[in-house]
């Protein structure tokens, strides 16, 4: 776990030296279609989440 934490910290430090904005490469429709395809493959567990 310590090695993972160190790697993440190093990545953050490197990123902070030269930050740049995140650019989406897919449209929202493409993302939602990918998600729908994934959910179709894995199915649902039948668990419900509490709505706020």
PDB file of N, CA and C in Angstrom:
ATOM      1  N   UNK A   1       0.822  -1.184   0.000  1.00  0.00           N
ATOM      2  CA  UNK A   1       0.000   0.000   0.000  1.00  0.00           C
ATOM      3  C   UNK A   1       0.872   1.256   0.000  1.00  0.00           C
ATOM      4  N   UNK A   2       1.962   1.229   0.729  1.00  0.00           N
ATOM      5  CA  UNK A   2       2.855   2.390   0.776  1.00  0.00           C
ATOM      6  C   UNK A   2       3.426   2.693  -0.606  1.00  0.00           C
ATOM      7  N   UNK A   3       3.753   1.639  -1.369  1.00  0.00           N
ATOM      8  CA  UNK A   3       4.300   1.843  -2.711  1.00  0.00           C
ATOM      9  C   UNK A   3       3.264   2.515  -3.606  1.00  0.00           C
ATOM     10  N   UNK A   4       2.009   2.087  -3.499  1.00  0.00           N
ATOM     11  CA  UNK A   4       0.939   2.688  -4.291  1.00  0.00           C
ATOM     12  C   UNK A   4       0.759   4.150  -3.917  1.00  0.00           C
ATOM     13  N   UNK A   5       0.751   4.430  -2.625  1.00  0.00           N
ATOM     14  CA  UNK A   5       0.621   5.816  -2.167  1.00  0.00           C
ATOM     15  C   UNK A   5       1.768   6.669  -2.699  1.00  0.00           C
ATOM     16  N   UNK A   6       2.976   6.125  -2.686  1.00  0.00           N
ATOM     17  CA  UNK A   6       4.132   6.852  -3.206  1.00  0.00           C
ATOM     18  C   UNK A   6       4.008   7.123  -4.694  1.00  0.00           C
ATOM     19  N   UNK A   7       3.537   6.128  -5.442  1.00  0.00           N
ATOM     20  CA  UNK A   7       3.352   6.304  -6.884  1.00  0.00           C
ATOM     21  C   UNK A   7       2.299   7.361  -7.185  1.00  0.00           C
ATOM     22  N   UNK A   8       1.210   7.338  -6.429  1.00  0.00           N
ATOM     23  CA  UNK A   8       0.153   8.330  -6.639  1.00  0.00           C
ATOM     24  C   UNK A   8       0.659   9.726  -6.306  1.00  0.00           C
ATOM     25  N   UNK A   9       1.376   9.854  -5.211  1.00  0.00           N
ATOM     26  CA  UNK A   9       1.933  11.153  -4.824  1.00  0.00           C
ATOM     27  C   UNK A   9       2.898  11.668  -5.884  1.00  0.00           C
ATOM     28  N   UNK A  10       3.740  10.795  -6.416  1.00  0.00           N
ATOM     29  CA  UNK A  10       4.681  11.194  -7.472  1.00  0.00           C
ATOM     30  C   UNK A  10       3.929  11.656  -8.710  1.00  0.00           C
ATOM     31  N   UNK A  11       2.858  10.954  -9.068  1.00  0.00           N
ATOM     32  CA  UNK A  11       2.065  11.345 -10.234  1.00  0.00           C
ATOM     33  C   UNK A  11       1.444  12.722 -10.016  1.00  0.00           C
ATOM     34  N   UNK A  12       0.889  12.950  -8.816  1.00  0.00           N
ATOM     35  CA  UNK A  12       0.282  14.247  -8.505  1.00  0.00           C
ATOM     36  C   UNK A  12       1.322  15.352  -8.579  1.00  0.00           C
ATOM     37  N   UNK A  13       2.495  15.118  -8.001  1.00  0.00           N
ATOM     38  CA  UNK A  13       3.551  16.132  -8.030  1.00  0.00           C
ATOM     39  C   UNK A  13       3.947  16.468  -9.462  1.00  0.00           C
ATOM     40  N   UNK A  14       4.089  15.449 -10.303  1.00  0.00           N
ATOM     41  CA  UNK A  14       4.446  15.668 -11.704  1.00  0.00           C
ATOM     42  C   UNK A  14       3.341  16.426 -12.417  1.00  0.00           C
ATOM     43  N   UNK A  15       2.097  16.030 -12.180  1.00  0.00           N
ATOM     44  CA  UNK A  15       0.962  16.691 -12.817  1.00  0.00           C
ATOM     45  C   UNK A  15       0.910  18.161 -12.405  1.00  0.00           C
ATOM     46  N   UNK A  16       1.157  18.448 -11.138  1.00  0.00           N
ATOM     47  CA  UNK A  16       1.070  19.819 -10.648  1.00  0.00           C
ATOM     48  C   UNK A  16       2.157  20.714 -11.223  1.00  0.00           C
ATOM     49  N   UNK A  17       3.261  20.138 -11.673  1.00  0.00           N
ATOM     50  CA  UNK A  17       4.321  20.940 -12.280  1.00  0.00           C
ATOM     51  C   UNK A  17       3.888  21.515 -13.624  1.00  0.00           C
ATOM     52  N   UNK A  18       3.065  20.792 -14.353  1.00  0.00           N
ATOM     53  CA  UNK A  18       2.619  21.251 -15.669  1.00  0.00           C
ATOM     54  C   UNK A  18       1.148  20.870 -15.857  1.00  0.00           C
ATOM     55  N   UNK A  19       0.249  21.534 -15.123  1.00  0.00           N
ATOM     56  CA  UNK A  19      -1.166  21.169 -15.218  1.00  0.00           C
ATOM     57  C   UNK A  19      -1.754  21.561 -16.569  1.00  0.00           C
ATOM     58  N   UNK A  20      -2.757  20.829 -16.986  1.00  0.00           N
ATOM     59  CA  UNK A  20      -3.465  21.149 -18.218  1.00  0.00           C
ATOM     60  C   UNK A  20      -4.911  20.687 -18.052  1.00  0.00           C
ATOM     61  N   UNK A  21      -5.831  21.350 -18.731  1.00  0.00           N
ATOM     62  CA  UNK A  21      -7.233  20.978 -18.563  1.00  0.00           C
ATOM     63  C   UNK A  21      -7.531  19.605 -19.157  1.00  0.00           C
ATOM     64  N   UNK A  22      -8.484  18.931 -18.545  1.00  0.00           N
ATOM     65  CA  UNK A  22      -8.922  17.641 -19.062  1.00  0.00           C
ATOM     66  C   UNK A  22      -9.807  17.897 -20.266  1.00  0.00           C
ATOM     67  N   UNK A  23      -9.600  17.162 -21.336  1.00  0.00           N
ATOM     68  CA  UNK A  23     -10.400  17.306 -22.544  1.00  0.00           C
ATOM     69  C   UNK A  23     -11.162  16.020 -22.804  1.00  0.00           C
ATOM     70  N   UNK A  24     -12.487  16.124 -22.867  1.00  0.00           N
ATOM     71  CA  UNK A  24     -13.306  14.959 -23.192  1.00  0.00           C
ATOM     72  C   UNK A  24     -13.057  14.565 -24.634  1.00  0.00           C
ATOM     73  N   UNK A  25     -12.945  13.280 -24.893  1.00  0.00           N
ATOM     74  CA  UNK A  25     -12.742  12.818 -26.263  1.00  0.00           C
ATOM     75  C   UNK A  25     -13.975  12.109 -26.804  1.00  0.00           C
ATOM     76  N   UNK A  26     -14.963  11.883 -25.957  1.00  0.00           N
ATOM     77  CA  UNK A  26     -16.218  11.265 -26.380  1.00  0.00           C
ATOM     78  C   UNK A  26     -17.368  12.200 -26.036  1.00  0.00           C
ATOM     79  N   UNK A  27     -18.424  12.099 -26.838  1.00  0.00           N
ATOM     80  CA  UNK A  27     -19.628  12.856 -26.520  1.00  0.00           C
ATOM     81  C   UNK A  27     -20.349  12.166 -25.365  1.00  0.00           C
ATOM     82  N   UNK A  28     -21.254  12.896 -24.746  1.00  0.00           N
ATOM     83  CA  UNK A  28     -22.042  12.311 -23.659  1.00  0.00           C
ATOM     84  C   UNK A  28     -22.820  11.100 -24.160  1.00  0.00           C
ATOM     85  N   UNK A  29     -23.362  11.177 -25.373  1.00  0.00           N
ATOM     86  CA  UNK A  29     -24.114  10.041 -25.927  1.00  0.00           C
ATOM     87  C   UNK A  29     -23.238   8.802 -26.065  1.00  0.00           C
ATOM     88  N   UNK A  30     -22.004   8.972 -26.514  1.00  0.00           N
ATOM     89  CA  UNK A  30     -21.102   7.824 -26.659  1.00  0.00           C
ATOM     90  C   UNK A  30     -20.772   7.218 -25.296  1.00  0.00           C
ATOM     91  N   UNK A  31     -20.564   8.067 -24.300  1.00  0.00           N
ATOM     92  CA  UNK A  31     -20.267   7.580 -22.953  1.00  0.00           C
ATOM     93  C   UNK A  31     -21.464   6.812 -22.399  1.00  0.00           C
ATOM     94  N   UNK A  32     -22.657   7.373 -22.545  1.00  0.00           N
ATOM     95  CA  UNK A  32     -23.852   6.706 -22.032  1.00  0.00           C
ATOM     96  C   UNK A  32     -24.128   5.400 -22.767  1.00  0.00           C
ATOM     97  N   UNK A  33     -23.880   5.362 -24.069  1.00  0.00           N
ATOM     98  CA  UNK A  33     -24.056   4.121 -24.823  1.00  0.00           C
ATOM     99  C   UNK A  33     -23.067   3.057 -24.363  1.00  0.00           C
ATOM    100  N   UNK A  34     -21.828   3.453 -24.091  1.00  0.00           N
ATOM    101  CA  UNK A  34     -20.830   2.506 -23.585  1.00  0.00           C
ATOM    102  C   UNK A  34     -21.248   1.967 -22.224  1.00  0.00           C
ATOM    103  N   UNK A  35     -21.735   2.849 -21.374  1.00  0.00           N
ATOM    104  CA  UNK A  35     -22.194   2.438 -20.052  1.00  0.00           C
ATOM    105  C   UNK A  35     -23.373   1.479 -20.161  1.00  0.00           C
ATOM    106  N   UNK A  36     -24.322   1.794 -21.032  1.00  0.00           N
ATOM    107  CA  UNK A  36     -25.486   0.926 -21.213  1.00  0.00           C
ATOM    108  C   UNK A  36     -25.062  -0.454 -21.698  1.00  0.00           C
ATOM    109  N   UNK A  37     -24.117  -0.511 -22.630  1.00  0.00           N
ATOM    110  CA  UNK A  37     -23.633  -1.797 -23.138  1.00  0.00           C
ATOM    111  C   UNK A  37     -22.966  -2.596 -22.024  1.00  0.00           C
ATOM    112  N   UNK A  38     -22.189  -1.924 -21.195  1.00  0.00           N
ATOM    113  CA  UNK A  38     -21.513  -2.592 -20.077  1.00  0.00           C
ATOM    114  C   UNK A  38     -22.534  -3.136 -19.083  1.00  0.00           C
ATOM    115  N   UNK A  39     -23.524  -2.334 -18.749  1.00  0.00           N
ATOM    116  CA  UNK A  39     -24.537  -2.769 -17.790  1.00  0.00           C
ATOM    117  C   UNK A  39     -25.363  -3.926 -18.336  1.00  0.00           C
ATOM    118  N   UNK A  40     -25.580  -3.939 -19.637  1.00  0.00           N
ATOM    119  CA  UNK A  40     -26.302  -5.050 -20.253  1.00  0.00           C
ATOM    120  C   UNK A  40     -25.502  -6.336 -20.112  1.00  0.00           C
ATOM    121  N   UNK A  41     -24.184  -6.237 -20.283  1.00  0.00           N
ATOM    122  CA  UNK A  41     -23.324  -7.418 -20.186  1.00  0.00           C
ATOM    123  C   UNK A  41     -23.254  -7.958 -18.763  1.00  0.00           C
ATOM    124  N   UNK A  42     -23.116  -7.070 -17.780  1.00  0.00           N
ATOM    125  CA  UNK A  42     -22.922  -7.513 -16.398  1.00  0.00           C
ATOM    126  C   UNK A  42     -24.228  -7.707 -15.646  1.00  0.00           C
ATOM    127  N   UNK A  43     -25.305  -7.142 -16.154  1.00  0.00           N
ATOM    128  CA  UNK A  43     -26.585  -7.272 -15.473  1.00  0.00           C
ATOM    129  C   UNK A  43     -26.636  -6.393 -14.243  1.00  0.00           C
ATOM    130  N   UNK A  44     -27.669  -6.574 -13.462  1.00  0.00           N
ATOM    131  CA  UNK A  44     -27.808  -5.797 -12.233  1.00  0.00           C
ATOM    132  C   UNK A  44     -27.861  -6.747 -11.052  1.00  0.00           C
ATOM    133  N   UNK A  45     -27.574  -6.227  -9.893  1.00  0.00           N
ATOM    134  CA  UNK A  45     -27.562  -7.047  -8.683  1.00  0.00           C
ATOM    135  C   UNK A  45     -28.907  -7.039  -7.986  1.00  0.00           C
ATOM    136  N   UNK A  46     -29.810  -6.174  -8.437  1.00  0.00           N
ATOM    137  CA  UNK A  46     -31.100  -6.066  -7.773  1.00  0.00           C
ATOM    138  C   UNK A  46     -31.062  -5.159  -6.566  1.00  0.00           C
ATOM    139  N   UNK A  47     -29.896  -4.599  -6.267  1.00  0.00           N
ATOM    140  CA  UNK A  47     -29.774  -3.697  -5.132  1.00  0.00           C
ATOM    141  C   UNK A  47     -30.269  -2.324  -5.532  1.00  0.00           C
ATOM    142  N   UNK A  48     -30.914  -1.664  -4.603  1.00  0.00           N
ATOM    143  CA  UNK A  48     -31.404  -0.317  -4.848  1.00  0.00           C
ATOM    144  C   UNK A  48     -30.635   0.646  -3.963  1.00  0.00           C
ATOM    145  N   UNK A  49     -30.426   1.852  -4.475  1.00  0.00           N
ATOM    146  CA  UNK A  49     -29.756   2.871  -3.683  1.00  0.00           C
ATOM    147  C   UNK A  49     -30.796   3.834  -3.142  1.00  0.00           C
ATOM    148  N   UNK A  50     -30.478   4.466  -2.031  1.00  0.00           N
ATOM    149  CA  UNK A  50     -31.388   5.411  -1.417  1.00  0.00           C
ATOM    150  C   UNK A  50     -31.387   6.704  -2.213  1.00  0.00           C
ATOM    151  N   UNK A  51     -32.549   7.181  -2.561  1.00  0.00           N
ATOM    152  CA  UNK A  51     -32.689   8.437  -3.292  1.00  0.00           C
ATOM    153  C   UNK A  51     -32.750   9.586  -2.297  1.00  0.00           C
ATOM    154  N   UNK A  52     -31.986  10.649  -2.549  1.00  0.00           N
ATOM    155  CA  UNK A  52     -32.014  11.822  -1.661  1.00  0.00           C
ATOM    156  C   UNK A  52     -32.980  12.834  -2.185  1.00  0.00           C
TER     157      UNK A  52
END
